[in-house]
Amino acid sequence: MSAAQEFYGAIMGWDFDDKRPEYGNYDIASRNGADAAGIGLQQSPDQPVGWTLYLASDDARATATAVTAHGGQVLMAPMEMPGLGDMFIAMDPQGAAFGVW
């Protein structure tokens, strides 16, 4: 993660806080005191390196229901992130993965 912090810190002007074990050891990137991104470790050696775009929702659970109703697939069910809201991972009908928070 240090290489990612070095790269994105330099080009985006992000600062990083300590890992948060309760949230999967993500390092939270911020700019001007506002959270901007999270950088985490690969969950397995076979996992490709990549980004997940998260979209904002007022009700992640209702949005997950709408995803499946409109032909998408929920890959990781909505889960509560204490103090931060609910999030889930999904795929649209064309196969593009995204997150909702």
Protein backbone atom coordinates (compact mmCIF):
# COMPACT_ATOMS: atom_id res chain seq x y z
CA MET A 1 0.00 0.00 0.00
CA SER A 2 2.91 2.35 0.55
CA ALA A 3 3.56 2.54 -3.21
CA ALA A 4 -0.10 3.47 -3.79
CA GLN A 5 0.05 6.08 -1.02
CA GLU A 6 3.21 7.56 -2.47
CA PHE A 7 1.78 7.70 -6.01
CA TYR A 8 -1.74 8.95 -5.23
CA GLY A 9 -0.57 11.22 -2.45
CA ALA A 10 1.73 12.99 -4.90
CA ILE A 11 -0.74 13.33 -7.76
CA MET A 12 -3.94 13.94 -5.76
CA GLY A 13 -2.53 15.75 -2.74
CA TRP A 14 -4.00 13.15 -0.38
CA ASP A 15 -2.98 12.56 3.22
CA PHE A 16 -3.45 9.11 4.81
CA ASP A 17 -4.54 7.99 8.26
CA ASP A 18 -3.59 4.77 9.99
CA LYS A 19 -5.10 1.47 8.94
CA ARG A 20 -8.51 0.77 10.39
CA PRO A 21 -8.63 -2.94 11.34
CA GLU A 22 -12.36 -2.73 12.02
CA TYR A 23 -12.86 -1.78 8.35
CA GLY A 24 -10.57 -4.32 6.67
CA ASN A 25 -7.28 -2.44 7.25
CA TYR A 26 -8.08 0.29 4.77
CA ASP A 27 -5.97 3.41 4.81
CA ILE A 28 -8.31 6.36 4.37
CA ALA A 29 -7.07 9.09 2.05
CA SER A 30 -8.22 12.63 2.72
CA ARG A 31 -7.76 16.06 1.25
CA ASN A 32 -8.40 19.24 3.20
CA GLY A 33 -9.83 17.12 6.03
CA ALA A 34 -12.47 15.37 3.88
CA ASP A 35 -12.32 11.63 3.14
CA ALA A 36 -11.56 11.03 -0.54
CA ALA A 37 -10.66 7.35 -0.98
CA GLY A 38 -9.66 4.14 0.72
CA ILE A 39 -6.68 1.96 -0.10
CA GLY A 40 -6.69 -1.65 1.00
CA LEU A 41 -4.67 -4.81 0.61
CA GLN A 42 -5.50 -7.50 -1.91
CA GLN A 43 -7.78 -10.07 -0.30
CA SER A 44 -6.00 -12.93 -2.10
CA PRO A 45 -2.87 -13.24 -4.27
CA ASP A 46 -5.10 -14.01 -7.28
CA GLN A 47 -7.06 -10.78 -6.96
CA PRO A 48 -6.15 -8.21 -9.61
CA VAL A 49 -5.14 -4.73 -8.52
CA GLY A 50 -7.89 -2.24 -9.26
CA TRP A 51 -10.31 0.41 -8.14
CA THR A 52 -13.92 0.16 -7.02
CA LEU A 53 -16.10 3.17 -7.71
CA TYR A 54 -18.66 3.75 -4.94
CA LEU A 55 -21.91 5.57 -5.64
CA ALA A 56 -23.79 7.41 -2.90
CA SER A 57 -27.26 6.27 -1.84
CA ASP A 58 -29.65 7.47 0.84
CA ASP A 59 -30.70 3.83 1.41
CA ALA A 60 -28.15 1.19 0.35
CA ARG A 61 -30.49 -1.70 1.13
CA ALA A 62 -33.27 -0.32 -1.07
CA THR A 63 -30.72 0.39 -3.80
CA ALA A 64 -29.51 -3.24 -3.64
CA THR A 65 -33.09 -4.38 -4.17
CA ALA A 66 -33.38 -2.02 -7.15
CA VAL A 67 -30.13 -3.36 -8.64
CA THR A 68 -31.52 -6.90 -8.82
CA ALA A 69 -34.96 -5.70 -9.96
CA HIS A 70 -33.33 -4.02 -12.95
CA GLY A 71 -31.12 -6.90 -14.06
CA GLY A 72 -27.99 -6.30 -12.00
CA GLN A 73 -26.42 -8.64 -9.49
CA VAL A 74 -25.49 -7.99 -5.86
CA LEU A 75 -22.04 -9.54 -5.35
CA MET A 76 -21.65 -8.64 -1.68
CA ALA A 77 -24.84 -8.05 0.29
CA PRO A 78 -25.40 -4.76 2.09
CA MET A 79 -23.53 -4.64 5.35
CA GLU A 80 -23.33 -2.04 8.08
CA MET A 81 -20.03 -0.24 8.56
CA PRO A 82 -20.47 1.11 12.12
CA GLY A 83 -20.56 4.88 12.17
CA LEU A 84 -20.17 5.10 8.37
CA GLY A 85 -23.40 3.67 6.94
CA ASP A 86 -24.25 0.63 4.83
CA MET A 87 -22.37 -0.50 1.74
CA PHE A 88 -22.54 -3.28 -0.87
CA ILE A 89 -20.85 -4.37 -4.10
CA ALA A 90 -22.82 -5.05 -7.28
CA MET A 91 -22.51 -5.61 -11.02
CA ASP A 92 -24.63 -3.97 -13.69
CA PRO A 93 -26.25 -6.07 -16.47
CA GLN A 94 -23.22 -5.48 -18.74
CA GLY A 95 -20.76 -6.77 -16.11
CA ALA A 96 -19.33 -3.53 -14.71
CA ALA A 97 -18.71 -3.82 -10.96
CA PHE A 98 -19.40 -0.94 -8.59
CA GLY A 99 -20.02 -0.24 -4.93
CA VAL A 100 -22.80 1.66 -3.21
CA TRP A 101 -22.39 3.41 0.12
